Amino acid sequence: SRVGAFAFSTREPVLGAMDASDNKIILVDLPGLLEGAHKGKGLGDEFL
């Protein structure tokens, strides 16, 4: 996932697989949410 010392360095969801014994746990990194995201602010509803 893109990393930067500024807001919104992640522009889209990123999936990653974490090892867990003989299994894998799938994590998703969702882009940062602003207040009002549920209404679409900052494309929040697209990410949620």
ModelCIF file with pLDDT and N, C-alpha, C, O atoms, coordinates in Angstrom:
data_MODEL
#
_entry.id   MODEL 
#
_entity.id                         1 
_entity.type                       polymer 
_entity.pdbx_number_of_molecules   1 
#
_entity_poly.entity_id                      1 
_entity_poly.type                           'polypeptide(L)' 
_entity_poly.nstd_linkage                   no 
_entity_poly.nstd_monomer                   no 
_entity_poly.pdbx_seq_one_letter_code       SRVGAFAFSTREPVLGAMDASDNKIILVDLPGLLEGAHKGKGLGDEFL 
_entity_poly.pdbx_seq_one_letter_code_can   SRVGAFAFSTREPVLGAMDASDNKIILVDLPGLLEGAHKGKGLGDEFL 
_entity_poly.pdbx_strand_id                 A 
#
loop_
_entity_poly_seq.entity_id 
_entity_poly_seq.num 
_entity_poly_seq.mon_id 
_entity_poly_seq.hetero 
1 1  SER n 
1 2  ARG n 
1 3  VAL n 
1 4  GLY n 
1 5  ALA n 
1 6  PHE n 
1 7  ALA n 
1 8  PHE n 
1 9  SER n 
1 10 THR n 
1 11 ARG n 
1 12 GLU n 
1 13 PRO n 
1 14 VAL n 
1 15 LEU n 
1 16 GLY n 
1 17 ALA n 
1 18 MET n 
1 19 ASP n 
1 20 ALA n 
1 21 SER n 
1 22 ASP n 
1 23 ASN n 
1 24 LYS n 
1 25 ILE n 
1 26 ILE n 
1 27 LEU n 
1 28 VAL n 
1 29 ASP n 
1 30 LEU n 
1 31 PRO n 
1 32 GLY n 
1 33 LEU n 
1 34 LEU n 
1 35 GLU n 
1 36 GLY n 
1 37 ALA n 
1 38 HIS n 
1 39 LYS n 
1 40 GLY n 
1 41 LYS n 
1 42 GLY n 
1 43 LEU n 
1 44 GLY n 
1 45 ASP n 
1 46 GLU n 
1 47 PHE n 
1 48 LEU n 
#
_struct_asym.id          A 
_struct_asym.entity_id   1 
#
loop_
_ma_qa_metric.id 
_ma_qa_metric.mode 
_ma_qa_metric.name 
_ma_qa_metric.software_group_id 
_ma_qa_metric.type 
1 global pLDDT . pLDDT 
2 local  pLDDT . pLDDT 
#
_ma_qa_metric_global.metric_id      1 
_ma_qa_metric_global.metric_value   62.85 
_ma_qa_metric_global.model_id       1 
_ma_qa_metric_global.ordinal_id     1 
#
loop_
_ma_qa_metric_local.label_asym_id 
_ma_qa_metric_local.label_comp_id 
_ma_qa_metric_local.label_seq_id 
_ma_qa_metric_local.metric_id 
_ma_qa_metric_local.metric_value 
_ma_qa_metric_local.model_id 
_ma_qa_metric_local.ordinal_id 
A SER 1  2 54.00 1 1  
A ARG 2  2 48.00 1 2  
A VAL 3  2 45.00 1 3  
A GLY 4  2 42.00 1 4  
A ALA 5  2 41.00 1 5  
A PHE 6  2 39.00 1 6  
A ALA 7  2 40.00 1 7  
A PHE 8  2 40.00 1 8  
A SER 9  2 42.00 1 9  
A THR 10 2 45.00 1 10 
A ARG 11 2 54.00 1 11 
A GLU 12 2 72.00 1 12 
A PRO 13 2 81.00 1 13 
A VAL 14 2 82.00 1 14 
A LEU 15 2 84.00 1 15 
A GLY 16 2 88.00 1 16 
A ALA 17 2 89.00 1 17 
A MET 18 2 93.00 1 18 
A ASP 19 2 89.00 1 19 
A ALA 20 2 86.00 1 20 
A SER 21 2 78.00 1 21 
A ASP 22 2 77.00 1 22 
A ASN 23 2 84.00 1 23 
A LYS 24 2 89.00 1 24 
A ILE 25 2 93.00 1 25 
A ILE 26 2 91.00 1 26 
A LEU 27 2 92.00 1 27 
A VAL 28 2 89.00 1 28 
A ASP 29 2 87.00 1 29 
A LEU 30 2 82.00 1 30 
A PRO 31 2 73.00 1 31 
A GLY 32 2 60.00 1 32 
A LEU 33 2 54.00 1 33 
A LEU 34 2 47.00 1 34 
A GLU 35 2 47.00 1 35 
A GLY 36 2 46.00 1 36 
A ALA 37 2 39.00 1 37 
A HIS 38 2 37.00 1 38 
A LYS 39 2 42.00 1 39 
A GLY 40 2 42.00 1 40 
A LYS 41 2 41.00 1 41 
A GLY 42 2 41.00 1 42 
A LEU 43 2 41.00 1 43 
A GLY 44 2 40.00 1 44 
A ASP 45 2 49.00 1 45 
A GLU 46 2 62.00 1 46 
A PHE 47 2 65.00 1 47 
A LEU 48 2 75.00 1 48 
#
loop_
_atom_site.group_PDB 
_atom_site.id 
_atom_site.type_symbol 
_atom_site.label_atom_id 
_atom_site.label_alt_id 
_atom_site.label_comp_id 
_atom_site.label_asym_id 
_atom_site.label_entity_id 
_atom_site.label_seq_id 
_atom_site.pdbx_PDB_ins_code 
_atom_site.Cartn_x 
_atom_site.Cartn_y 
_atom_site.Cartn_z 
_atom_site.occupancy 
_atom_site.B_iso_or_equiv 
_atom_site.pdbx_formal_charge 
_atom_site.auth_seq_id 
_atom_site.auth_comp_id 
_atom_site.auth_asym_id 
_atom_site.auth_atom_id 
_atom_site.pdbx_PDB_model_num 
ATOM 1   N N  . SER A 1 1  ? 0.840   -1.187  0.000  1.00 54.00 ? 1  SER A N  1 
ATOM 2   C CA . SER A 1 1  ? 0.000   0.000   0.000  1.00 54.00 ? 1  SER A CA 1 
ATOM 3   C C  . SER A 1 1  ? 0.879   1.243   0.000  1.00 54.00 ? 1  SER A C  1 
ATOM 4   O O  . SER A 1 1  ? 1.898   1.296   0.688  1.00 54.00 ? 1  SER A O  1 
ATOM 5   N N  . ARG A 1 2  ? 0.472   2.247   -0.782 1.00 48.00 ? 2  ARG A N  1 
ATOM 6   C CA . ARG A 1 2  ? 1.266   3.463   -0.893 1.00 48.00 ? 2  ARG A CA 1 
ATOM 7   C C  . ARG A 1 2  ? 1.327   4.168   0.452  1.00 48.00 ? 2  ARG A C  1 
ATOM 8   O O  . ARG A 1 2  ? 0.310   4.324   1.127  1.00 48.00 ? 2  ARG A O  1 
ATOM 9   N N  . VAL A 1 3  ? 2.512   4.589   0.834  1.00 45.00 ? 3  VAL A N  1 
ATOM 10  C CA . VAL A 1 3  ? 2.718   5.255   2.111  1.00 45.00 ? 3  VAL A CA 1 
ATOM 11  C C  . VAL A 1 3  ? 3.275   6.652   1.858  1.00 45.00 ? 3  VAL A C  1 
ATOM 12  O O  . VAL A 1 3  ? 4.182   6.828   1.045  1.00 45.00 ? 3  VAL A O  1 
ATOM 13  N N  . GLY A 1 4  ? 2.722   7.655   2.568  1.00 42.00 ? 4  GLY A N  1 
ATOM 14  C CA . GLY A 1 4  ? 3.230   9.017   2.434  1.00 42.00 ? 4  GLY A CA 1 
ATOM 15  C C  . GLY A 1 4  ? 2.918   9.804   3.680  1.00 42.00 ? 4  GLY A C  1 
ATOM 16  O O  . GLY A 1 4  ? 1.934   9.528   4.366  1.00 42.00 ? 4  GLY A O  1 
ATOM 17  N N  . ALA A 1 5  ? 3.748   10.785  3.977  1.00 41.00 ? 5  ALA A N  1 
ATOM 18  C CA . ALA A 1 5  ? 3.541   11.604  5.174  1.00 41.00 ? 5  ALA A CA 1 
ATOM 19  C C  . ALA A 1 5  ? 2.571   12.736  4.879  1.00 41.00 ? 5  ALA A C  1 
ATOM 20  O O  . ALA A 1 5  ? 2.836   13.902  5.169  1.00 41.00 ? 5  ALA A O  1 
ATOM 21  N N  . PHE A 1 6  ? 1.432   12.358  4.290  1.00 39.00 ? 6  PHE A N  1 
ATOM 22  C CA . PHE A 1 6  ? 0.414   13.349  3.970  1.00 39.00 ? 6  PHE A CA 1 
ATOM 23  C C  . PHE A 1 6  ? -0.919  12.614  3.857  1.00 39.00 ? 6  PHE A C  1 
ATOM 24  O O  . PHE A 1 6  ? -0.965  11.397  3.675  1.00 39.00 ? 6  PHE A O  1 
ATOM 25  N N  . ALA A 1 7  ? -1.985  13.375  3.967  1.00 40.00 ? 7  ALA A N  1 
ATOM 26  C CA . ALA A 1 7  ? -3.314  12.769  3.920  1.00 40.00 ? 7  ALA A CA 1 
ATOM 27  C C  . ALA A 1 7  ? -3.604  12.223  2.525  1.00 40.00 ? 7  ALA A C  1 
ATOM 28  O O  . ALA A 1 7  ? -3.094  12.724  1.523  1.00 40.00 ? 7  ALA A O  1 
ATOM 29  N N  . PHE A 1 8  ? -4.434  11.188  2.488  1.00 40.00 ? 8  PHE A N  1 
ATOM 30  C CA . PHE A 1 8  ? -4.911  10.590  1.244  1.00 40.00 ? 8  PHE A CA 1 
ATOM 31  C C  . PHE A 1 8  ? -3.803  9.960   0.412  1.00 40.00 ? 8  PHE A C  1 
ATOM 32  O O  . PHE A 1 8  ? -3.880  9.957   -0.817 1.00 40.00 ? 8  PHE A O  1 
ATOM 33  N N  . SER A 1 9  ? -2.762  9.421   1.071  1.00 42.00 ? 9  SER A N  1 
ATOM 34  C CA . SER A 1 9  ? -1.749  8.716   0.289  1.00 42.00 ? 9  SER A CA 1 
ATOM 35  C C  . SER A 1 9  ? -2.320  7.432   -0.299 1.00 42.00 ? 9  SER A C  1 
ATOM 36  O O  . SER A 1 9  ? -1.850  6.969   -1.338 1.00 42.00 ? 9  SER A O  1 
ATOM 37  N N  . THR A 1 10 ? -3.333  6.847   0.354  1.00 45.00 ? 10 THR A N  1 
ATOM 38  C CA . THR A 1 10 ? -4.020  5.680   -0.194 1.00 45.00 ? 10 THR A CA 1 
ATOM 39  C C  . THR A 1 10 ? -5.248  6.151   -0.955 1.00 45.00 ? 10 THR A C  1 
ATOM 40  O O  . THR A 1 10 ? -6.129  6.799   -0.391 1.00 45.00 ? 10 THR A O  1 
ATOM 41  N N  . ARG A 1 11 ? -5.298  5.823   -2.234 1.00 54.00 ? 11 ARG A N  1 
ATOM 42  C CA . ARG A 1 11 ? -6.386  6.296   -3.091 1.00 54.00 ? 11 ARG A CA 1 
ATOM 43  C C  . ARG A 1 11 ? -7.434  5.234   -3.376 1.00 54.00 ? 11 ARG A C  1 
ATOM 44  O O  . ARG A 1 11 ? -8.510  5.544   -3.888 1.00 54.00 ? 11 ARG A O  1 
ATOM 45  N N  . GLU A 1 12 ? -7.131  3.991   -3.050 1.00 72.00 ? 12 GLU A N  1 
ATOM 46  C CA . GLU A 1 12 ? -8.075  2.915   -3.293 1.00 72.00 ? 12 GLU A CA 1 
ATOM 47  C C  . GLU A 1 12 ? -7.809  1.792   -2.305 1.00 72.00 ? 12 GLU A C  1 
ATOM 48  O O  . GLU A 1 12 ? -6.708  1.705   -1.761 1.00 72.00 ? 12 GLU A O  1 
ATOM 49  N N  . PRO A 1 13 ? -8.796  0.921   -2.056 1.00 81.00 ? 13 PRO A N  1 
ATOM 50  C CA . PRO A 1 13 ? -8.593  -0.165  -1.098 1.00 81.00 ? 13 PRO A CA 1 
ATOM 51  C C  . PRO A 1 13 ? -7.444  -1.078  -1.511 1.00 81.00 ? 13 PRO A C  1 
ATOM 52  O O  . PRO A 1 13 ? -7.222  -1.322  -2.696 1.00 81.00 ? 13 PRO A O  1 
ATOM 53  N N  . VAL A 1 14 ? -6.720  -1.576  -0.513 1.00 82.00 ? 14 VAL A N  1 
ATOM 54  C CA . VAL A 1 14 ? -5.595  -2.480  -0.749 1.00 82.00 ? 14 VAL A CA 1 
ATOM 55  C C  . VAL A 1 14 ? -5.790  -3.736  0.082  1.00 82.00 ? 14 VAL A C  1 
ATOM 56  O O  . VAL A 1 14 ? -6.046  -3.657  1.283  1.00 82.00 ? 14 VAL A O  1 
ATOM 57  N N  . LEU A 1 15 ? -5.671  -4.893  -0.553 1.00 84.00 ? 15 LEU A N  1 
ATOM 58  C CA . LEU A 1 15 ? -5.793  -6.171  0.142  1.00 84.00 ? 15 LEU A CA 1 
ATOM 59  C C  . LEU A 1 15 ? -4.410  -6.720  0.481  1.00 84.00 ? 15 LEU A C  1 
ATOM 60  O O  . LEU A 1 15 ? -3.454  -6.543  -0.273 1.00 84.00 ? 15 LEU A O  1 
ATOM 61  N N  . GLY A 1 16 ? -4.323  -7.393  1.634  1.00 88.00 ? 16 GLY A N  1 
ATOM 62  C CA . GLY A 1 16 ? -3.092  -8.055  2.025  1.00 88.00 ? 16 GLY A CA 1 
ATOM 63  C C  . GLY A 1 16 ? -3.402  -9.309  2.814  1.00 88.00 ? 16 GLY A C  1 
ATOM 64  O O  . GLY A 1 16 ? -4.405  -9.364  3.525  1.00 88.00 ? 16 GLY A O  1 
ATOM 65  N N  . ALA A 1 17 ? -2.548  -10.319 2.696  1.00 89.00 ? 17 ALA A N  1 
ATOM 66  C CA . ALA A 1 17 ? -2.754  -11.592 3.393  1.00 89.00 ? 17 ALA A CA 1 
ATOM 67  C C  . ALA A 1 17 ? -1.751  -11.712 4.533  1.00 89.00 ? 17 ALA A C  1 
ATOM 68  O O  . ALA A 1 17 ? -0.542  -11.656 4.306  1.00 89.00 ? 17 ALA A O  1 
ATOM 69  N N  . MET A 1 18 ? -2.246  -11.877 5.758  1.00 93.00 ? 18 MET A N  1 
ATOM 70  C CA . MET A 1 18 ? -1.411  -12.022 6.937  1.00 93.00 ? 18 MET A CA 1 
ATOM 71  C C  . MET A 1 18 ? -1.340  -13.481 7.345  1.00 93.00 ? 18 MET A C  1 
ATOM 72  O O  . MET A 1 18 ? -2.374  -14.130 7.509  1.00 93.00 ? 18 MET A O  1 
ATOM 73  N N  . ASP A 1 19 ? -0.144  -14.000 7.508  1.00 89.00 ? 19 ASP A N  1 
ATOM 74  C CA . ASP A 1 19 ? 0.025   -15.394 7.927  1.00 89.00 ? 19 ASP A CA 1 
ATOM 75  C C  . ASP A 1 19 ? -0.490  -15.581 9.344  1.00 89.00 ? 19 ASP A C  1 
ATOM 76  O O  . ASP A 1 19 ? -0.226  -14.770 10.232 1.00 89.00 ? 19 ASP A O  1 
ATOM 77  N N  . ALA A 1 20 ? -1.234  -16.675 9.539  1.00 86.00 ? 20 ALA A N  1 
ATOM 78  C CA . ALA A 1 20 ? -1.766  -17.007 10.861 1.00 86.00 ? 20 ALA A CA 1 
ATOM 79  C C  . ALA A 1 20 ? -1.738  -18.520 11.016 1.00 86.00 ? 20 ALA A C  1 
ATOM 80  O O  . ALA A 1 20 ? -2.701  -19.206 10.673 1.00 86.00 ? 20 ALA A O  1 
ATOM 81  N N  . SER A 1 21 ? -0.629  -19.035 11.536 1.00 78.00 ? 21 SER A N  1 
ATOM 82  C CA . SER A 1 21 ? -0.416  -20.480 11.663 1.00 78.00 ? 21 SER A CA 1 
ATOM 83  C C  . SER A 1 21 ? -0.521  -21.113 10.279 1.00 78.00 ? 21 SER A C  1 
ATOM 84  O O  . SER A 1 21 ? 0.239   -20.760 9.377  1.00 78.00 ? 21 SER A O  1 
ATOM 85  N N  . ASP A 1 22 ? -1.458  -22.046 10.105 1.00 77.00 ? 22 ASP A N  1 
ATOM 86  C CA . ASP A 1 22 ? -1.619  -22.698 8.807  1.00 77.00 ? 22 ASP A CA 1 
ATOM 87  C C  . ASP A 1 22 ? -2.693  -22.031 7.973  1.00 77.00 ? 22 ASP A C  1 
ATOM 88  O O  . ASP A 1 22 ? -3.203  -22.625 7.024  1.00 77.00 ? 22 ASP A O  1 
ATOM 89  N N  . ASN A 1 23 ? -3.037  -20.813 8.316  1.00 84.00 ? 23 ASN A N  1 
ATOM 90  C CA . ASN A 1 23 ? -4.124  -20.102 7.634  1.00 84.00 ? 23 ASN A CA 1 
ATOM 91  C C  . ASN A 1 23 ? -3.633  -18.717 7.238  1.00 84.00 ? 23 ASN A C  1 
ATOM 92  O O  . ASN A 1 23 ? -2.537  -18.306 7.618  1.00 84.00 ? 23 ASN A O  1 
ATOM 93  N N  . LYS A 1 24 ? -4.435  -18.014 6.487  1.00 89.00 ? 24 LYS A N  1 
ATOM 94  C CA . LYS A 1 24 ? -4.155  -16.619 6.152  1.00 89.00 ? 24 LYS A CA 1 
ATOM 95  C C  . LYS A 1 24 ? -5.378  -15.772 6.477  1.00 89.00 ? 24 LYS A C  1 
ATOM 96  O O  . LYS A 1 24 ? -6.513  -16.188 6.245  1.00 89.00 ? 24 LYS A O  1 
ATOM 97  N N  . ILE A 1 25 ? -5.139  -14.596 7.007  1.00 93.00 ? 25 ILE A N  1 
ATOM 98  C CA . ILE A 1 25 ? -6.211  -13.646 7.283  1.00 93.00 ? 25 ILE A CA 1 
ATOM 99  C C  . ILE A 1 25 ? -6.078  -12.506 6.283  1.00 93.00 ? 25 ILE A C  1 
ATOM 100 O O  . ILE A 1 25 ? -5.018  -11.890 6.164  1.00 93.00 ? 25 ILE A O  1 
ATOM 101 N N  . ILE A 1 26 ? -7.163  -12.232 5.568  1.00 91.00 ? 26 ILE A N  1 
ATOM 102 C CA . ILE A 1 26 ? -7.147  -11.191 4.539  1.00 91.00 ? 26 ILE A CA 1 
ATOM 103 C C  . ILE A 1 26 ? -7.542  -9.857  5.173  1.00 91.00 ? 26 ILE A C  1 
ATOM 104 O O  . ILE A 1 26 ? -8.621  -9.715  5.748  1.00 91.00 ? 26 ILE A O  1 
ATOM 105 N N  . LEU A 1 27 ? -6.637  -8.887  5.050  1.00 92.00 ? 27 LEU A N  1 
ATOM 106 C CA . LEU A 1 27 ? -6.874  -7.541  5.553  1.00 92.00 ? 27 LEU A CA 1 
ATOM 107 C C  . LEU A 1 27 ? -7.132  -6.605  4.391  1.00 92.00 ? 27 LEU A C  1 
ATOM 108 O O  . LEU A 1 27 ? -6.577  -6.793  3.308  1.00 92.00 ? 27 LEU A O  1 
ATOM 109 N N  . VAL A 1 28 ? -7.973  -5.593  4.601  1.00 89.00 ? 28 VAL A N  1 
ATOM 110 C CA . VAL A 1 28 ? -8.183  -4.563  3.591  1.00 89.00 ? 28 VAL A CA 1 
ATOM 111 C C  . VAL A 1 28 ? -7.915  -3.202  4.221  1.00 89.00 ? 28 VAL A C  1 
ATOM 112 O O  . VAL A 1 28 ? -8.476  -2.862  5.263  1.00 89.00 ? 28 VAL A O  1 
ATOM 113 N N  . ASP A 1 29 ? -7.061  -2.444  3.583  1.00 87.00 ? 29 ASP A N  1 
ATOM 114 C CA . ASP A 1 29 ? -6.733  -1.083  3.996  1.00 87.00 ? 29 ASP A CA 1 
ATOM 115 C C  . ASP A 1 29 ? -7.619  -0.131  3.198  1.00 87.00 ? 29 ASP A C  1 
ATOM 116 O O  . ASP A 1 29 ? -7.439  0.036   1.992  1.00 87.00 ? 29 ASP A O  1 
ATOM 117 N N  . LEU A 1 30 ? -8.583  0.494   3.888  1.00 82.00 ? 30 LEU A N  1 
ATOM 118 C CA . LEU A 1 30 ? -9.491  1.411   3.205  1.00 82.00 ? 30 LEU A CA 1 
ATOM 119 C C  . LEU A 1 30 ? -8.941  2.834   3.266  1.00 82.00 ? 30 LEU A C  1 
ATOM 120 O O  . LEU A 1 30 ? -8.396  3.242   4.292  1.00 82.00 ? 30 LEU A O  1 
ATOM 121 N N  . PRO A 1 31 ? -9.078  3.589   2.182  1.00 73.00 ? 31 PRO A N  1 
ATOM 122 C CA . PRO A 1 31 ? -8.626  4.984   2.194  1.00 73.00 ? 31 PRO A CA 1 
ATOM 123 C C  . PRO A 1 31 ? -9.236  5.757   3.349  1.00 73.00 ? 31 PRO A C  1 
ATOM 124 O O  . PRO A 1 31 ? -10.331 5.435   3.811  1.00 73.00 ? 31 PRO A O  1 
ATOM 125 N N  . GLY A 1 32 ? -8.526  6.779   3.815  1.00 60.00 ? 32 GLY A N  1 
ATOM 126 C CA . GLY A 1 32 ? -8.965  7.554   4.975  1.00 60.00 ? 32 GLY A CA 1 
ATOM 127 C C  . GLY A 1 32 ? -10.339 8.164   4.804  1.00 60.00 ? 32 GLY A C  1 
ATOM 128 O O  . GLY A 1 32 ? -10.703 8.627   3.724  1.00 60.00 ? 32 GLY A O  1 
ATOM 129 N N  . LEU A 1 33 ? -11.096 8.155   5.892  1.00 54.00 ? 33 LEU A N  1 
ATOM 130 C CA . LEU A 1 33 ? -12.470 8.644   5.862  1.00 54.00 ? 33 LEU A CA 1 
ATOM 131 C C  . LEU A 1 33 ? -12.571 10.030  6.485  1.00 54.00 ? 33 LEU A C  1 
ATOM 132 O O  . LEU A 1 33 ? -12.003 10.300  7.544  1.00 54.00 ? 33 LEU A O  1 
ATOM 133 N N  . LEU A 1 34 ? -13.299 10.888  5.809  1.00 47.00 ? 34 LEU A N  1 
ATOM 134 C CA . LEU A 1 34 ? -13.584 12.218  6.326  1.00 47.00 ? 34 LEU A CA 1 
ATOM 135 C C  . LEU A 1 34 ? -14.954 12.237  6.991  1.00 47.00 ? 34 LEU A C  1 
ATOM 136 O O  . LEU A 1 34 ? -15.773 11.348  6.758  1.00 47.00 ? 34 LEU A O  1 
ATOM 137 N N  . GLU A 1 35 ? -15.199 13.229  7.803  1.00 47.00 ? 35 GLU A N  1 
ATOM 138 C CA . GLU A 1 35 ? -16.538 13.412  8.352  1.00 47.00 ? 35 GLU A CA 1 
ATOM 139 C C  . GLU A 1 35 ? -17.494 13.665  7.188  1.00 47.00 ? 35 GLU A C  1 
ATOM 140 O O  . GLU A 1 35 ? -17.239 14.521  6.342  1.00 47.00 ? 35 GLU A O  1 
ATOM 141 N N  . GLY A 1 36 ? -18.593 12.915  7.152  1.00 46.00 ? 36 GLY A N  1 
ATOM 142 C CA . GLY A 1 36 ? -19.523 12.992  6.033  1.00 46.00 ? 36 GLY A CA 1 
ATOM 143 C C  . GLY A 1 36 ? -19.255 11.941  4.975  1.00 46.00 ? 36 GLY A C  1 
ATOM 144 O O  . GLY A 1 36 ? -19.845 11.979  3.895  1.00 46.00 ? 36 GLY A O  1 
ATOM 145 N N  . ALA A 1 37 ? -18.361 10.994  5.279  1.00 39.00 ? 37 ALA A N  1 
ATOM 146 C CA . ALA A 1 37 ? -18.008 9.958   4.300  1.00 39.00 ? 37 ALA A CA 1 
ATOM 147 C C  . ALA A 1 37 ? -19.216 9.132   3.886  1.00 39.00 ? 37 ALA A C  1 
ATOM 148 O O  . ALA A 1 37 ? -19.321 8.728   2.728  1.00 39.00 ? 37 ALA A O  1 
ATOM 149 N N  . HIS A 1 38 ? -20.147 8.873   4.837  1.00 37.00 ? 38 HIS A N  1 
ATOM 150 C CA . HIS A 1 38 ? -21.320 8.062   4.514  1.00 37.00 ? 38 HIS A CA 1 
ATOM 151 C C  . HIS A 1 38 ? -22.209 8.720   3.470  1.00 37.00 ? 38 HIS A C  1 
ATOM 152 O O  . HIS A 1 38 ? -23.028 8.055   2.836  1.00 37.00 ? 38 HIS A O  1 
ATOM 153 N N  . LYS A 1 39 ? -22.045 10.044  3.290  1.00 42.00 ? 39 LYS A N  1 
ATOM 154 C CA . LYS A 1 39 ? -22.800 10.775  2.263  1.00 42.00 ? 39 LYS A CA 1 
ATOM 155 C C  . LYS A 1 39 ? -22.007 10.915  0.974  1.00 42.00 ? 39 LYS A C  1 
ATOM 156 O O  . LYS A 1 39 ? -22.488 11.505  0.006  1.00 42.00 ? 39 LYS A O  1 
ATOM 157 N N  . GLY A 1 40 ? -20.801 10.378  0.957  1.00 42.00 ? 40 GLY A N  1 
ATOM 158 C CA . GLY A 1 40 ? -19.984 10.437  -0.245 1.00 42.00 ? 40 GLY A CA 1 
ATOM 159 C C  . GLY A 1 40 ? -18.853 11.424  -0.191 1.00 42.00 ? 40 GLY A C  1 
ATOM 160 O O  . GLY A 1 40 ? -18.107 11.542  -1.162 1.00 42.00 ? 40 GLY A O  1 
ATOM 161 N N  . LYS A 1 41 ? -18.688 12.150  0.915  1.00 41.00 ? 41 LYS A N  1 
ATOM 162 C CA . LYS A 1 41 ? -17.600 13.122  0.991  1.00 41.00 ? 41 LYS A CA 1 
ATOM 163 C C  . LYS A 1 41 ? -16.268 12.400  0.891  1.00 41.00 ? 41 LYS A C  1 
ATOM 164 O O  . LYS A 1 41 ? -16.020 11.418  1.590  1.00 41.00 ? 41 LYS A O  1 
ATOM 165 N N  . GLY A 1 42 ? -15.413 12.907  0.003  1.00 41.00 ? 42 GLY A N  1 
ATOM 166 C CA . GLY A 1 42 ? -14.125 12.250  -0.214 1.00 41.00 ? 42 GLY A CA 1 
ATOM 167 C C  . GLY A 1 42 ? -14.274 10.856  -0.809 1.00 41.00 ? 42 GLY A C  1 
ATOM 168 O O  . GLY A 1 42 ? -13.383 10.020  -0.660 1.00 41.00 ? 42 GLY A O  1 
ATOM 169 N N  . LEU A 1 43 ? -15.395 10.600  -1.483 1.00 41.00 ? 43 LEU A N  1 
ATOM 170 C CA . LEU A 1 43 ? -15.697 9.280   -2.040 1.00 41.00 ? 43 LEU A CA 1 
ATOM 171 C C  . LEU A 1 43 ? -15.819 8.224   -0.948 1.00 41.00 ? 43 LEU A C  1 
ATOM 172 O O  . LEU A 1 43 ? -15.614 7.036   -1.195 1.00 41.00 ? 43 LEU A O  1 
ATOM 173 N N  . GLY A 1 44 ? -16.156 8.671   0.267  1.00 40.00 ? 44 GLY A N  1 
ATOM 174 C CA . GLY A 1 44 ? -16.229 7.749   1.388  1.00 40.00 ? 44 GLY A CA 1 
ATOM 175 C C  . GLY A 1 44 ? -17.209 6.618   1.204  1.00 40.00 ? 44 GLY A C  1 
ATOM 176 O O  . GLY A 1 44 ? -16.931 5.488   1.605  1.00 40.00 ? 44 GLY A O  1 
ATOM 177 N N  . ASP A 1 45 ? -18.376 6.904   0.592  1.00 49.00 ? 45 ASP A N  1 
ATOM 178 C CA . ASP A 1 45 ? -19.354 5.841   0.404  1.00 49.00 ? 45 ASP A CA 1 
ATOM 179 C C  . ASP A 1 45 ? -18.852 4.790   -0.579 1.00 49.00 ? 45 ASP A C  1 
ATOM 180 O O  . ASP A 1 45 ? -19.228 3.622   -0.485 1.00 49.00 ? 45 ASP A O  1 
ATOM 181 N N  . GLU A 1 46 ? -18.002 5.200   -1.525 1.00 62.00 ? 46 GLU A N  1 
ATOM 182 C CA . GLU A 1 46 ? -17.422 4.240   -2.464 1.00 62.00 ? 46 GLU A CA 1 
ATOM 183 C C  . GLU A 1 46 ? -16.462 3.291   -1.747 1.00 62.00 ? 46 GLU A C  1 
ATOM 184 O O  . GLU A 1 46 ? -16.325 2.132   -2.140 1.00 62.00 ? 46 GLU A O  1 
ATOM 185 N N  . PHE A 1 47 ? -15.802 3.776   -0.704 1.00 65.00 ? 47 PHE A N  1 
ATOM 186 C CA . PHE A 1 47 ? -14.852 2.950   0.032  1.00 65.00 ? 47 PHE A CA 1 
ATOM 187 C C  . PHE A 1 47 ? -15.537 2.125   1.117  1.00 65.00 ? 47 PHE A C  1 
ATOM 188 O O  . PHE A 1 47 ? -15.165 0.974   1.349  1.00 65.00 ? 47 PHE A O  1 
ATOM 189 N N  . LEU A 1 48 ? -16.534 2.705   1.783  1.00 75.00 ? 48 LEU A N  1 
ATOM 190 C CA . LEU A 1 48 ? -17.179 2.020   2.897  1.00 75.00 ? 48 LEU A CA 1 
ATOM 191 C C  . LEU A 1 48 ? -17.879 0.733   2.460  1.00 75.00 ? 48 LEU A C  1 
ATOM 192 O O  . LEU A 1 48 ? -18.471 0.041   3.289  1.00 75.00 ? 48 LEU A O  1 
#
